Every structure is written in C-alpha cells, then in structure tokens.
Amino acid sequence: STNYALSVKGRFTISRDNAKDTVTLQMNSLKPEDTAV
C-alpha cells in the first residue's frame, strides 16, 4: 500500500523489492520546487 504527498502524486512512484532489501523512488516530470535533500 502506498501514500503520496499531493505535490508529487502522479509524478513519483515508490516501490519496494523485499527480496533485494531495496526501496526505489522514481521521480518524473521534476520541478524546481522538488529540489531538496
């Protein structure tokens, strides 16, 4: 189950690979306001 901030919904996708112990955030259509750590 996933939850997204409204500001990124439709542009970002989170996924987890439990077998590889990895979580990924795919970020598309990036905007200057996405600049952050």
Full PDB file with SEQRES, HELIX, SHEET, SSBOND, CRYST1, ORIGX, SCALE, CONECT and MASTER records, all heavy atoms in Angstrom:
SEQRES   1 A   37  SER THR ASN TYR ALA LEU SER VAL LYS GLY ARG PHE THR          
SEQRES   2 A   37  ILE SER ARG ASP ASN ALA LYS ASP THR VAL THR LEU GLN          
SEQRES   3 A   37  MET ASN SER LEU LYS PRO GLU ASP THR ALA VAL                  
HELIX    1 AA1 PRO A   32  ASP A   34  5                                   3    
SHEET    1 AA1 2 PHE A  12  ASP A  17  0                                        
SHEET    2 AA1 2 THR A  22  MET A  27 -1                                        
CRYST1    1.000    1.000    1.000  90.00  90.00  90.00 P 1           1          
ORIGX1      1.000000  0.000000  0.000000        0.00000                         
ORIGX2      0.000000  1.000000  0.000000        0.00000                         
ORIGX3      0.000000  0.000000  1.000000        0.00000                         
SCALE1      1.000000  0.000000  0.000000        0.00000                         
SCALE2      0.000000  1.000000  0.000000        0.00000                         
SCALE3      0.000000  0.000000  1.000000        0.00000                         
ATOM      1  N   SER A   1       0.842  -1.199   0.000  1.00  0.00           N  
ATOM      2  CA  SER A   1       0.000   0.000   0.000  1.00  0.00           C  
ATOM      3  C   SER A   1       0.874   1.244   0.000  1.00  0.00           C  
ATOM      4  O   SER A   1       1.891   1.289   0.694  1.00  0.00           O  
ATOM      5  CB  SER A   1      -0.909   0.008   1.229  1.00  0.00           C  
ATOM      6  OG  SER A   1      -1.784  -1.102   1.200  1.00  0.00           O  
ATOM      7  N   THR A   2       0.464   2.248  -0.773  1.00  0.00           N  
ATOM      8  CA  THR A   2       1.283   3.446  -0.924  1.00  0.00           C  
ATOM      9  C   THR A   2       0.513   4.713  -0.563  1.00  0.00           C  
ATOM     10  O   THR A   2      -0.722   4.763  -0.649  1.00  0.00           O  
ATOM     11  CB  THR A   2       1.788   3.588  -2.369  1.00  0.00           C  
ATOM     12  OG1 THR A   2       0.660   3.608  -3.258  1.00  0.00           O  
ATOM     13  CG2 THR A   2       2.691   2.439  -2.747  1.00  0.00           C  
ATOM     14  N   ASN A   3       1.267   5.720  -0.143  1.00  0.00           N  
ATOM     15  CA  ASN A   3       0.738   7.061   0.099  1.00  0.00           C  
ATOM     16  C   ASN A   3       1.707   8.052  -0.509  1.00  0.00           C  
ATOM     17  O   ASN A   3       2.927   7.857  -0.430  1.00  0.00           O  
ATOM     18  CB  ASN A   3       0.592   7.350   1.600  1.00  0.00           C  
ATOM     19  CG  ASN A   3      -0.443   6.483   2.265  1.00  0.00           C  
ATOM     20  OD1 ASN A   3      -0.119   5.498   2.896  1.00  0.00           O  
ATOM     21  ND2 ASN A   3      -1.703   6.859   2.098  1.00  0.00           N  
ATOM     22  N   TYR A   4       1.162   9.120  -1.089  1.00  0.00           N  
ATOM     23  CA  TYR A   4       1.996  10.146  -1.719  1.00  0.00           C  
ATOM     24  C   TYR A   4       1.572  11.530  -1.250  1.00  0.00           C  
ATOM     25  O   TYR A   4       0.392  11.783  -1.006  1.00  0.00           O  
ATOM     26  CB  TYR A   4       1.862  10.097  -3.241  1.00  0.00           C  
ATOM     27  CG  TYR A   4       2.396   8.852  -3.880  1.00  0.00           C  
ATOM     28  CD1 TYR A   4       1.569   7.766  -4.122  1.00  0.00           C  
ATOM     29  CD2 TYR A   4       3.738   8.758  -4.241  1.00  0.00           C  
ATOM     30  CE1 TYR A   4       2.058   6.605  -4.703  1.00  0.00           C  
ATOM     31  CE2 TYR A   4       4.238   7.611  -4.837  1.00  0.00           C  
ATOM     32  CZ  TYR A   4       3.392   6.541  -5.063  1.00  0.00           C  
ATOM     33  OH  TYR A   4       3.891   5.400  -5.645  1.00  0.00           O  
ATOM     34  N   ALA A   5       2.532  12.418  -1.178  1.00  0.00           N  
ATOM     35  CA  ALA A   5       2.217  13.824  -0.972  1.00  0.00           C  
ATOM     36  C   ALA A   5       1.465  14.320  -2.207  1.00  0.00           C  
ATOM     37  O   ALA A   5       1.755  13.890  -3.340  1.00  0.00           O  
ATOM     38  CB  ALA A   5       3.495  14.633  -0.779  1.00  0.00           C  
ATOM     39  N   LEU A   6       0.530  15.219  -2.004  1.00  0.00           N  
ATOM     40  CA  LEU A   6      -0.252  15.724  -3.131  1.00  0.00           C  
ATOM     41  C   LEU A   6       0.635  16.371  -4.191  1.00  0.00           C  
ATOM     42  O   LEU A   6       0.349  16.294  -5.382  1.00  0.00           O  
ATOM     43  CB  LEU A   6      -1.294  16.728  -2.629  1.00  0.00           C  
ATOM     44  CG  LEU A   6      -2.491  16.139  -1.874  1.00  0.00           C  
ATOM     45  CD1 LEU A   6      -3.409  17.255  -1.378  1.00  0.00           C  
ATOM     46  CD2 LEU A   6      -3.270  15.175  -2.750  1.00  0.00           C  
ATOM     47  N   SER A   7       1.704  16.974  -3.749  1.00  0.00           N  
ATOM     48  CA  SER A   7       2.579  17.698  -4.676  1.00  0.00           C  
ATOM     49  C   SER A   7       3.330  16.783  -5.637  1.00  0.00           C  
ATOM     50  O   SER A   7       3.843  17.243  -6.657  1.00  0.00           O  
ATOM     51  CB  SER A   7       3.577  18.552  -3.892  1.00  0.00           C  
ATOM     52  OG  SER A   7       4.373  17.729  -3.048  1.00  0.00           O  
ATOM     53  N   VAL A   8       3.410  15.491  -5.313  1.00  0.00           N  
ATOM     54  CA  VAL A   8       4.166  14.569  -6.175  1.00  0.00           C  
ATOM     55  C   VAL A   8       3.288  13.492  -6.792  1.00  0.00           C  
ATOM     56  O   VAL A   8       3.755  12.730  -7.646  1.00  0.00           O  
ATOM     57  CB  VAL A   8       5.328  13.903  -5.403  1.00  0.00           C  
ATOM     58  CG1 VAL A   8       6.198  14.946  -4.730  1.00  0.00           C  
ATOM     59  CG2 VAL A   8       4.819  12.889  -4.393  1.00  0.00           C  
ATOM     60  N   LYS A   9       2.050  13.433  -6.382  1.00  0.00           N  
ATOM     61  CA  LYS A   9       1.163  12.378  -6.867  1.00  0.00           C  
ATOM     62  C   LYS A   9       1.036  12.461  -8.380  1.00  0.00           C  
ATOM     63  O   LYS A   9       0.819  13.525  -8.950  1.00  0.00           O  
ATOM     64  CB  LYS A   9      -0.208  12.509  -6.200  1.00  0.00           C  
ATOM     65  CG  LYS A   9      -0.993  11.213  -6.126  1.00  0.00           C  
ATOM     66  CD  LYS A   9      -2.177  11.341  -5.191  1.00  0.00           C  
ATOM     67  CE  LYS A   9      -2.864  10.002  -4.985  1.00  0.00           C  
ATOM     68  NZ  LYS A   9      -3.996  10.095  -4.034  1.00  0.00           N  
ATOM     69  N   GLY A  10       1.194  11.302  -9.023  1.00  0.00           N  
ATOM     70  CA  GLY A  10       1.123  11.264 -10.478  1.00  0.00           C  
ATOM     71  C   GLY A  10       2.467  11.454 -11.158  1.00  0.00           C  
ATOM     72  O   GLY A  10       2.597  11.200 -12.360  1.00  0.00           O  
ATOM     73  N   ARG A  11       3.456  11.917 -10.405  1.00  0.00           N  
ATOM     74  CA  ARG A  11       4.796  12.134 -10.968  1.00  0.00           C  
ATOM     75  C   ARG A  11       5.832  11.181 -10.372  1.00  0.00           C  
ATOM     76  O   ARG A  11       6.774  10.776 -11.052  1.00  0.00           O  
ATOM     77  CB  ARG A  11       5.253  13.571 -10.719  1.00  0.00           C  
ATOM     78  CG  ARG A  11       4.356  14.633 -11.330  1.00  0.00           C  
ATOM     79  CD  ARG A  11       4.981  16.026 -11.216  1.00  0.00           C  
ATOM     80  NE  ARG A  11       5.116  16.453  -9.830  1.00  0.00           N  
ATOM     81  CZ  ARG A  11       6.274  16.812  -9.265  1.00  0.00           C  
ATOM     82  NH1 ARG A  11       7.400  16.778  -9.969  1.00  0.00           N  
ATOM     83  NH2 ARG A  11       6.319  17.202  -7.995  1.00  0.00           N  
ATOM     84  N   PHE A  12       5.654  10.858  -9.093  1.00  0.00           N  
ATOM     85  CA  PHE A  12       6.607   9.987  -8.397  1.00  0.00           C  
ATOM     86  C   PHE A  12       5.961   8.621  -8.148  1.00  0.00           C  
ATOM     87  O   PHE A  12       4.749   8.519  -7.926  1.00  0.00           O  
ATOM     88  CB  PHE A  12       6.992  10.576  -7.047  1.00  0.00           C  
ATOM     89  CG  PHE A  12       7.834  11.828  -7.118  1.00  0.00           C  
ATOM     90  CD1 PHE A  12       8.031  12.518  -8.294  1.00  0.00           C  
ATOM     91  CD2 PHE A  12       8.418  12.327  -5.961  1.00  0.00           C  
ATOM     92  CE1 PHE A  12       8.801  13.665  -8.347  1.00  0.00           C  
ATOM     93  CE2 PHE A  12       9.191  13.477  -5.981  1.00  0.00           C  
ATOM     94  CZ  PHE A  12       9.378  14.146  -7.181  1.00  0.00           C  
ATOM     95  N   THR A  13       6.807   7.591  -8.141  1.00  0.00           N  
ATOM     96  CA  THR A  13       6.342   6.241  -7.837  1.00  0.00           C  
ATOM     97  C   THR A  13       7.313   5.574  -6.880  1.00  0.00           C  
ATOM     98  O   THR A  13       8.516   5.518  -7.147  1.00  0.00           O  
ATOM     99  CB  THR A  13       6.233   5.390  -9.110  1.00  0.00           C  
ATOM    100  OG1 THR A  13       5.343   6.017 -10.035  1.00  0.00           O  
ATOM    101  CG2 THR A  13       5.699   4.003  -8.771  1.00  0.00           C  
ATOM    102  N   ILE A  14       6.781   5.086  -5.769  1.00  0.00           N  
ATOM    103  CA  ILE A  14       7.593   4.362  -4.806  1.00  0.00           C  
ATOM    104  C   ILE A  14       7.355   2.865  -4.969  1.00  0.00           C  
ATOM    105  O   ILE A  14       6.239   2.429  -5.246  1.00  0.00           O  
ATOM    106  CB  ILE A  14       7.279   4.808  -3.354  1.00  0.00           C  
ATOM    107  CG1 ILE A  14       8.282   4.207  -2.375  1.00  0.00           C  
ATOM    108  CG2 ILE A  14       5.840   4.478  -2.965  1.00  0.00           C  
ATOM    109  CD1 ILE A  14       8.175   4.774  -0.959  1.00  0.00           C  
ATOM    110  N   SER A  15       8.429   2.097  -4.819  1.00  0.00           N  
ATOM    111  CA  SER A  15       8.302   0.646  -4.894  1.00  0.00           C  
ATOM    112  C   SER A  15       9.315   0.013  -3.943  1.00  0.00           C  
ATOM    113  O   SER A  15      10.310   0.641  -3.579  1.00  0.00           O  
ATOM    114  CB  SER A  15       8.527   0.165  -6.333  1.00  0.00           C  
ATOM    115  OG  SER A  15       9.819   0.516  -6.785  1.00  0.00           O  
ATOM    116  N   ARG A  16       9.028  -1.201  -3.542  1.00  0.00           N  
ATOM    117  CA  ARG A  16       9.965  -1.902  -2.675  1.00  0.00           C  
ATOM    118  C   ARG A  16      10.172  -3.307  -3.198  1.00  0.00           C  
ATOM    119  O   ARG A  16       9.220  -3.969  -3.628  1.00  0.00           O  
ATOM    120  CB  ARG A  16       9.501  -1.908  -1.217  1.00  0.00           C  
ATOM    121  CG  ARG A  16       8.221  -2.640  -0.920  1.00  0.00           C  
ATOM    122  CD  ARG A  16       7.735  -2.345   0.509  1.00  0.00           C  
ATOM    123  NE  ARG A  16       8.475  -3.098   1.519  1.00  0.00           N  
ATOM    124  CZ  ARG A  16       8.378  -2.872   2.832  1.00  0.00           C  
ATOM    125  NH1 ARG A  16       7.598  -1.919   3.278  1.00  0.00           N  
ATOM    126  NH2 ARG A  16       9.067  -3.611   3.690  1.00  0.00           N  
ATOM    127  N   ASP A  17      11.411  -3.746  -3.150  1.00  0.00           N  
ATOM    128  CA  ASP A  17      11.778  -5.100  -3.543  1.00  0.00           C  
ATOM    129  C   ASP A  17      12.226  -5.806  -2.277  1.00  0.00           C  
ATOM    130  O   ASP A  17      13.376  -5.662  -1.846  1.00  0.00           O  
ATOM    131  CB  ASP A  17      12.890  -5.066  -4.594  1.00  0.00           C  
ATOM    132  CG  ASP A  17      13.191  -6.436  -5.173  1.00  0.00           C  
ATOM    133  OD1 ASP A  17      12.957  -7.444  -4.464  1.00  0.00           O  
ATOM    134  OD2 ASP A  17      13.663  -6.503  -6.304  1.00  0.00           O  
ATOM    135  N   ASN A  18      11.312  -6.543  -1.682  1.00  0.00           N  
ATOM    136  CA  ASN A  18      11.622  -7.192  -0.405  1.00  0.00           C  
ATOM    137  C   ASN A  18      12.723  -8.239  -0.551  1.00  0.00           C  
ATOM    138  O   ASN A  18      13.454  -8.504   0.408  1.00  0.00           O  
ATOM    139  CB  ASN A  18      10.353  -7.817   0.173  1.00  0.00           C  
ATOM    140  CG  ASN A  18       9.340  -6.777   0.600  1.00  0.00           C  
ATOM    141  OD1 ASN A  18       9.695  -5.662   0.982  1.00  0.00           O  
ATOM    142  ND2 ASN A  18       8.068  -7.122   0.522  1.00  0.00           N  
ATOM    143  N   ALA A  19      12.850  -8.807  -1.716  1.00  0.00           N  
ATOM    144  CA  ALA A  19      13.877  -9.823  -1.921  1.00  0.00           C  
ATOM    145  C   ALA A  19      15.272  -9.211  -1.987  1.00  0.00           C  
ATOM    146  O   ALA A  19      16.259  -9.844  -1.588  1.00  0.00           O  
ATOM    147  CB  ALA A  19      13.588 -10.598  -3.198  1.00  0.00           C  
ATOM    148  N   LYS A  20      15.343  -7.959  -2.485  1.00  0.00           N  
ATOM    149  CA  LYS A  20      16.634  -7.287  -2.611  1.00  0.00           C  
ATOM    150  C   LYS A  20      16.856  -6.251  -1.520  1.00  0.00           C  
ATOM    151  O   LYS A  20      17.888  -5.560  -1.525  1.00  0.00           O  
ATOM    152  CB  LYS A  20      16.734  -6.616  -3.990  1.00  0.00           C  
ATOM    153  CG  LYS A  20      16.726  -7.589  -5.146  1.00  0.00           C  
ATOM    154  CD  LYS A  20      16.894  -6.863  -6.476  1.00  0.00           C  
ATOM    155  CE  LYS A  20      16.929  -7.848  -7.636  1.00  0.00           C  
ATOM    156  NZ  LYS A  20      17.085  -7.156  -8.948  1.00  0.00           N  
ATOM    157  N   ASP A  21      15.880  -6.124  -0.599  1.00  0.00           N  
ATOM    158  CA  ASP A  21      16.002  -5.167   0.506  1.00  0.00           C  
ATOM    159  C   ASP A  21      16.255  -3.745  -0.004  1.00  0.00           C  
ATOM    160  O   ASP A  21      17.086  -3.014   0.551  1.00  0.00           O  
ATOM    161  CB  ASP A  21      17.129  -5.594   1.465  1.00  0.00           C  
ATOM    162  CG  ASP A  21      16.874  -6.967   2.072  1.00  0.00           C  
ATOM    163  OD1 ASP A  21      15.697  -7.318   2.265  1.00  0.00           O  
ATOM    164  OD2 ASP A  21      17.859  -7.689   2.322  1.00  0.00           O  
ATOM    165  N   THR A  22      15.508  -3.377  -1.021  1.00  0.00           N  
ATOM    166  CA  THR A  22      15.699  -2.082  -1.654  1.00  0.00           C  
ATOM    167  C   THR A  22      14.364  -1.389  -1.868  1.00  0.00           C  
ATOM    168  O   THR A  22      13.373  -2.029  -2.225  1.00  0.00           O  
ATOM    169  CB  THR A  22      16.410  -2.242  -3.010  1.00  0.00           C  
ATOM    170  OG1 THR A  22      17.683  -2.858  -2.800  1.00  0.00           O  
ATOM    171  CG2 THR A  22      16.623  -0.894  -3.684  1.00  0.00           C  
ATOM    172  N   VAL A  23      14.362  -0.083  -1.645  1.00  0.00           N  
ATOM    173  CA  VAL A  23      13.204   0.741  -1.935  1.00  0.00           C  
ATOM    174  C   VAL A  23      13.616   1.785  -2.965  1.00  0.00           C  
ATOM    175  O   VAL A  23      14.699   2.376  -2.855  1.00  0.00           O  
ATOM    176  CB  VAL A  23      12.683   1.439  -0.667  1.00  0.00           C  
ATOM    177  CG1 VAL A  23      11.517   2.364  -1.007  1.00  0.00           C  
ATOM    178  CG2 VAL A  23      12.251   0.411   0.358  1.00  0.00           C  
ATOM    179  N   THR A  24      12.767   2.004  -3.935  1.00  0.00           N  
ATOM    180  CA  THR A  24      13.087   2.904  -5.037  1.00  0.00           C  
ATOM    181  C   THR A  24      12.040   4.007  -5.155  1.00  0.00           C  
ATOM    182  O   THR A  24      10.851   3.760  -4.918  1.00  0.00           O  
ATOM    183  CB  THR A  24      13.150   2.115  -6.352  1.00  0.00           C  
ATOM    184  OG1 THR A  24      14.179   1.128  -6.253  1.00  0.00           O  
ATOM    185  CG2 THR A  24      13.464   3.022  -7.523  1.00  0.00           C  
ATOM    186  N   LEU A  25      12.497   5.183  -5.490  1.00  0.00           N  
ATOM    187  CA  LEU A  25      11.596   6.295  -5.775  1.00  0.00           C  
ATOM    188  C   LEU A  25      11.888   6.778  -7.188  1.00  0.00           C  
ATOM    189  O   LEU A  25      12.951   7.360  -7.435  1.00  0.00           O  
ATOM    190  CB  LEU A  25      11.781   7.439  -4.777  1.00  0.00           C  
ATOM    191  CG  LEU A  25      10.806   8.610  -4.935  1.00  0.00           C  
ATOM    192  CD1 LEU A  25       9.388   8.175  -4.542  1.00  0.00           C  
ATOM    193  CD2 LEU A  25      11.238   9.809  -4.081  1.00  0.00           C  
ATOM    194  N   GLN A  26      10.968   6.530  -8.083  1.00  0.00           N  
ATOM    195  CA  GLN A  26      11.089   7.003  -9.464  1.00  0.00           C  
ATOM    196  C   GLN A  26      10.433   8.371  -9.540  1.00  0.00           C  
ATOM    197  O   GLN A  26       9.248   8.519  -9.225  1.00  0.00           O  
ATOM    198  CB  GLN A  26      10.413   6.033 -10.435  1.00  0.00           C  
ATOM    199  CG  GLN A  26      10.433   6.494 -11.875  1.00  0.00           C  
ATOM    200  CD  GLN A  26      11.831   6.534 -12.461  1.00  0.00           C  
ATOM    201  OE1 GLN A  26      12.619   5.619 -12.236  1.00  0.00           O  
ATOM    202  NE2 GLN A  26      12.136   7.587 -13.211  1.00  0.00           N  
ATOM    203  N   MET A  27      11.204   9.367  -9.948  1.00  0.00           N  
ATOM    204  CA  MET A  27      10.716  10.744  -9.987  1.00  0.00           C  
ATOM    205  C   MET A  27      10.714  11.233 -11.428  1.00  0.00           C  
ATOM    206  O   MET A  27      11.779  11.322 -12.051  1.00  0.00           O  
ATOM    207  CB  MET A  27      11.605  11.637  -9.119  1.00  0.00           C  
ATOM    208  CG  MET A  27      11.742  11.146  -7.691  1.00  0.00           C  
ATOM    209  SD  MET A  27      12.646  12.284  -6.626  1.00  0.00           S  
ATOM    210  CE  MET A  27      14.269  12.218  -7.388  1.00  0.00           C  
ATOM    211  N   ASN A  28       9.543  11.535 -11.941  1.00  0.00           N  
ATOM    212  CA  ASN A  28       9.386  12.029 -13.306  1.00  0.00           C  
ATOM    213  C   ASN A  28       8.831  13.445 -13.288  1.00  0.00           C  
ATOM    214  O   ASN A  28       8.283  13.900 -12.282  1.00  0.00           O  
ATOM    215  CB  ASN A  28       8.457  11.112 -14.094  1.00  0.00           C  
ATOM    216  CG  ASN A  28       8.978   9.698 -14.214  1.00  0.00           C  
ATOM    217  OD1 ASN A  28      10.184   9.458 -14.291  1.00  0.00           O  
ATOM    218  ND2 ASN A  28       8.062   8.741 -14.241  1.00  0.00           N  
ATOM    219  N   SER A  29       8.956  14.117 -14.404  1.00  0.00           N  
ATOM    220  CA  SER A  29       8.432  15.485 -14.546  1.00  0.00           C  
ATOM    221  C   SER A  29       8.877  16.363 -13.393  1.00  0.00           C  
ATOM    222  O   SER A  29       8.060  17.076 -12.783  1.00  0.00           O  
ATOM    223  CB  SER A  29       6.897  15.458 -14.645  1.00  0.00           C  
ATOM    224  OG  SER A  29       6.468  14.665 -15.718  1.00  0.00           O  
ATOM    225  N   LEU A  30      10.147  16.315 -13.094  1.00  0.00           N  
ATOM    226  CA  LEU A  30      10.665  17.050 -11.943  1.00  0.00           C  
ATOM    227  C   LEU A  30      10.541  18.553 -12.138  1.00  0.00           C  
ATOM    228  O   LEU A  30      10.658  19.081 -13.249  1.00  0.00           O  
ATOM    229  CB  LEU A  30      12.116  16.662 -11.688  1.00  0.00           C  
ATOM    230  CG  LEU A  30      12.294  15.302 -11.003  1.00  0.00           C  
ATOM    231  CD1 LEU A  30      13.694  14.764 -11.209  1.00  0.00           C  
ATOM    232  CD2 LEU A  30      11.972  15.434  -9.523  1.00  0.00           C  
ATOM    233  N   LYS A  31      10.314  19.232 -11.014  1.00  0.00           N  
ATOM    234  CA  LYS A  31      10.146  20.679 -10.995  1.00  0.00           C  
ATOM    235  C   LYS A  31      11.201  21.291 -10.076  1.00  0.00           C  
ATOM    236  O   LYS A  31      11.690  20.606  -9.159  1.00  0.00           O  
ATOM    237  CB  LYS A  31       8.753  21.036 -10.476  1.00  0.00           C  
ATOM    238  CG  LYS A  31       7.602  20.394 -11.222  1.00  0.00           C  
ATOM    239  CD  LYS A  31       6.278  20.716 -10.544  1.00  0.00           C  
ATOM    240  CE  LYS A  31       5.106  20.043 -11.270  1.00  0.00           C  
ATOM    241  NZ  LYS A  31       3.810  20.341 -10.605  1.00  0.00           N  
ATOM    242  N   PRO A  32      11.521  22.557 -10.271  1.00  0.00           N  
ATOM    243  CA  PRO A  32      12.492  23.200  -9.368  1.00  0.00           C  
ATOM    244  C   PRO A  32      12.092  23.095  -7.897  1.00  0.00           C  
ATOM    245  O   PRO A  32      12.969  22.975  -7.028  1.00  0.00           O  
ATOM    246  CB  PRO A  32      12.491  24.655  -9.845  1.00  0.00           C  
ATOM    247  CG  PRO A  32      12.155  24.558 -11.298  1.00  0.00           C  
ATOM    248  CD  PRO A  32      11.157  23.434 -11.393  1.00  0.00           C  
ATOM    249  N   GLU A  33      10.804  23.099  -7.620  1.00  0.00           N  
ATOM    250  CA  GLU A  33      10.361  23.009  -6.227  1.00  0.00           C  
ATOM    251  C   GLU A  33      10.560  21.618  -5.631  1.00  0.00           C  
ATOM    252  O   GLU A  33      10.325  21.416  -4.436  1.00  0.00           O  
ATOM    253  CB  GLU A  33       8.888  23.428  -6.088  1.00  0.00           C  
ATOM    254  CG  GLU A  33       7.937  22.765  -7.062  1.00  0.00           C  
ATOM    255  CD  GLU A  33       7.665  23.616  -8.292  1.00  0.00           C  
ATOM    256  OE1 GLU A  33       8.622  24.212  -8.850  1.00  0.00           O  
ATOM    257  OE2 GLU A  33       6.485  23.679  -8.709  1.00  0.00           O  
ATOM    258  N   ASP A  34      10.983  20.652  -6.434  1.00  0.00           N  
ATOM    259  CA  ASP A  34      11.336  19.338  -5.907  1.00  0.00           C  
ATOM    260  C   ASP A  34      12.764  19.313  -5.357  1.00  0.00           C  
ATOM    261  O   ASP A  34      13.189  18.305  -4.776  1.00  0.00           O  
ATOM    262  CB  ASP A  34      11.211  18.271  -7.001  1.00  0.00           C  
ATOM    263  CG  ASP A  34       9.784  18.062  -7.461  1.00  0.00           C  
ATOM    264  OD1 ASP A  34       8.877  18.040  -6.601  1.00  0.00           O  
ATOM    265  OD2 ASP A  34       9.567  17.925  -8.682  1.00  0.00           O  
ATOM    266  N   THR A  35      13.487  20.392  -5.547  1.00  0.00           N  
ATOM    267  CA  THR A  35      14.853  20.471  -5.049  1.00  0.00           C  
ATOM    268  C   THR A  35      14.881  20.344  -3.533  1.00  0.00           C  
ATOM    269  O   THR A  35      14.193  21.079  -2.815  1.00  0.00           O  
ATOM    270  CB  THR A  35      15.500  21.801  -5.459  1.00  0.00           C  
ATOM    271  OG1 THR A  35      15.616  21.834  -6.885  1.00  0.00           O  
ATOM    272  CG2 THR A  35      16.882  21.960  -4.839  1.00  0.00           C  
ATOM    273  N   ALA A  36      15.660  19.382  -3.038  1.00  0.00           N  
ATOM    274  CA  ALA A  36      15.727  19.115  -1.599  1.00  0.00           C  
ATOM    275  C   ALA A  36      16.720  17.984  -1.348  1.00  0.00           C  
ATOM    276  O   ALA A  36      17.203  17.348  -2.292  1.00  0.00           O  
ATOM    277  CB  ALA A  36      14.354  18.717  -1.062  1.00  0.00           C  
ATOM    278  N   VAL A  37      16.995  17.769  -0.085  1.00  0.00           N  
ATOM    279  CA  VAL A  37      17.692  16.547   0.316  1.00  0.00           C  
ATOM    280  C   VAL A  37      16.627  15.499   0.580  1.00  0.00           C  
ATOM    281  O   VAL A  37      15.677  15.743   1.338  1.00  0.00           O  
ATOM    282  CB  VAL A  37      18.564  16.772   1.566  1.00  0.00           C  
ATOM    283  CG1 VAL A  37      19.232  15.462   1.978  1.00  0.00           C  
ATOM    284  CG2 VAL A  37      19.603  17.852   1.306  1.00  0.00           C  
TER     285      VAL A  37                                                      
MASTER        0    0    0    1    2    0    0    6  284    1    0    3          
END                                                                             
